[in-house]
């Protein structure tokens, strides 16, 4: 699972495919909210706002 900004989305997808050998689901964190999980506020690769969840 990766939480990234728009600029690092492609990198996160590539990392997911390399690790799991299948295409991930990409969730827009601006449109989806989770009841029992609070999404990180910053991208894993930089300090920009986290926008996408790659699972």
C-alpha atoms as a PDB file:
ATOM      1  CA  UNK A   1       0.000   0.000   0.000  1.00  0.00           C
ATOM      2  CA  UNK A   2       1.313   3.427  -0.977  1.00  0.00           C
ATOM      3  CA  UNK A   3      -0.022   6.892  -0.176  1.00  0.00           C
ATOM      4  CA  UNK A   4       1.307   9.426  -2.661  1.00  0.00           C
ATOM      5  CA  UNK A   5       0.803  12.789  -4.324  1.00  0.00           C
ATOM      6  CA  UNK A   6      -0.121  13.221  -7.984  1.00  0.00           C
ATOM      7  CA  UNK A   7       3.536  13.619  -9.006  1.00  0.00           C
ATOM      8  CA  UNK A   8       4.548  10.263  -7.493  1.00  0.00           C
ATOM      9  CA  UNK A   9       1.508   8.216  -8.525  1.00  0.00           C
ATOM     10  CA  UNK A  10       3.248   6.582 -11.485  1.00  0.00           C
ATOM     11  CA  UNK A  11       6.230   5.589  -9.321  1.00  0.00           C
ATOM     12  CA  UNK A  12       3.914   4.028  -6.715  1.00  0.00           C
ATOM     13  CA  UNK A  13       2.075   2.046  -9.412  1.00  0.00           C
ATOM     14  CA  UNK A  14       5.404   0.773 -10.798  1.00  0.00           C
ATOM     15  CA  UNK A  15       6.577  -0.220  -7.309  1.00  0.00           C
ATOM     16  CA  UNK A  16       3.303  -2.039  -6.640  1.00  0.00           C
ATOM     17  CA  UNK A  17       3.497  -3.962  -9.928  1.00  0.00           C
ATOM     18  CA  UNK A  18       7.151  -4.870  -9.274  1.00  0.00           C
ATOM     19  CA  UNK A  19       6.296  -6.199  -5.814  1.00  0.00           C
ATOM     20  CA  UNK A  20       2.949  -7.932  -6.414  1.00  0.00           C
ATOM     21  CA  UNK A  21       3.064  -8.608 -10.181  1.00  0.00           C
ATOM     22  CA  UNK A  22      -0.479  -7.328 -10.710  1.00  0.00           C
ATOM     23  CA  UNK A  23      -2.188  -4.010 -11.327  1.00  0.00           C
ATOM     24  CA  UNK A  24      -3.183  -2.036  -8.225  1.00  0.00           C
ATOM     25  CA  UNK A  25      -6.391  -0.254  -7.378  1.00  0.00           C
ATOM     26  CA  UNK A  26      -5.943   3.514  -7.175  1.00  0.00           C
ATOM     27  CA  UNK A  27      -8.203   5.404  -4.766  1.00  0.00           C
ATOM     28  CA  UNK A  28      -8.566   9.194  -4.841  1.00  0.00           C
ATOM     29  CA  UNK A  29      -8.360  10.270  -1.198  1.00  0.00           C
ATOM     30  CA  UNK A  30     -10.284  13.470  -1.985  1.00  0.00           C
ATOM     31  CA  UNK A  31     -13.307  11.389  -2.978  1.00  0.00           C
ATOM     32  CA  UNK A  32     -13.111   8.455  -0.545  1.00  0.00           C
ATOM     33  CA  UNK A  33     -13.112   8.367   3.237  1.00  0.00           C
ATOM     34  CA  UNK A  34     -12.482   5.384   5.485  1.00  0.00           C
ATOM     35  CA  UNK A  35     -14.226   4.780   8.797  1.00  0.00           C
ATOM     36  CA  UNK A  36     -11.467   2.988  10.721  1.00  0.00           C
ATOM     37  CA  UNK A  37      -8.359   4.343   8.979  1.00  0.00           C
ATOM     38  CA  UNK A  38      -6.910   7.826   8.861  1.00  0.00           C
ATOM     39  CA  UNK A  39      -4.893   8.364   5.674  1.00  0.00           C
ATOM     40  CA  UNK A  40      -1.452   9.938   6.027  1.00  0.00           C
ATOM     41  CA  UNK A  41      -1.456  13.620   5.153  1.00  0.00           C
ATOM     42  CA  UNK A  42       1.815  13.632   3.184  1.00  0.00           C
ATOM     43  CA  UNK A  43       3.181  11.696   0.227  1.00  0.00           C
ATOM     44  CA  UNK A  44       5.594   8.868   1.051  1.00  0.00           C
ATOM     45  CA  UNK A  45       8.137  10.284  -1.434  1.00  0.00           C
ATOM     46  CA  UNK A  46       7.951  14.015  -0.631  1.00  0.00           C
ATOM     47  CA  UNK A  47       6.212  16.546   1.605  1.00  0.00           C
ATOM     48  CA  UNK A  48       3.328  17.279  -0.797  1.00  0.00           C
ATOM     49  CA  UNK A  49      -0.272  16.523   0.153  1.00  0.00           C
ATOM     50  CA  UNK A  50      -1.204  12.833  -0.116  1.00  0.00           C
ATOM     51  CA  UNK A  51      -3.830  12.422  -2.841  1.00  0.00           C
ATOM     52  CA  UNK A  52      -3.899   8.760  -3.887  1.00  0.00           C
ATOM     53  CA  UNK A  53      -3.925   5.386  -2.187  1.00  0.00           C
ATOM     54  CA  UNK A  54      -2.389   2.603  -4.279  1.00  0.00           C
ATOM     55  CA  UNK A  55      -3.472  -0.861  -3.093  1.00  0.00           C
END
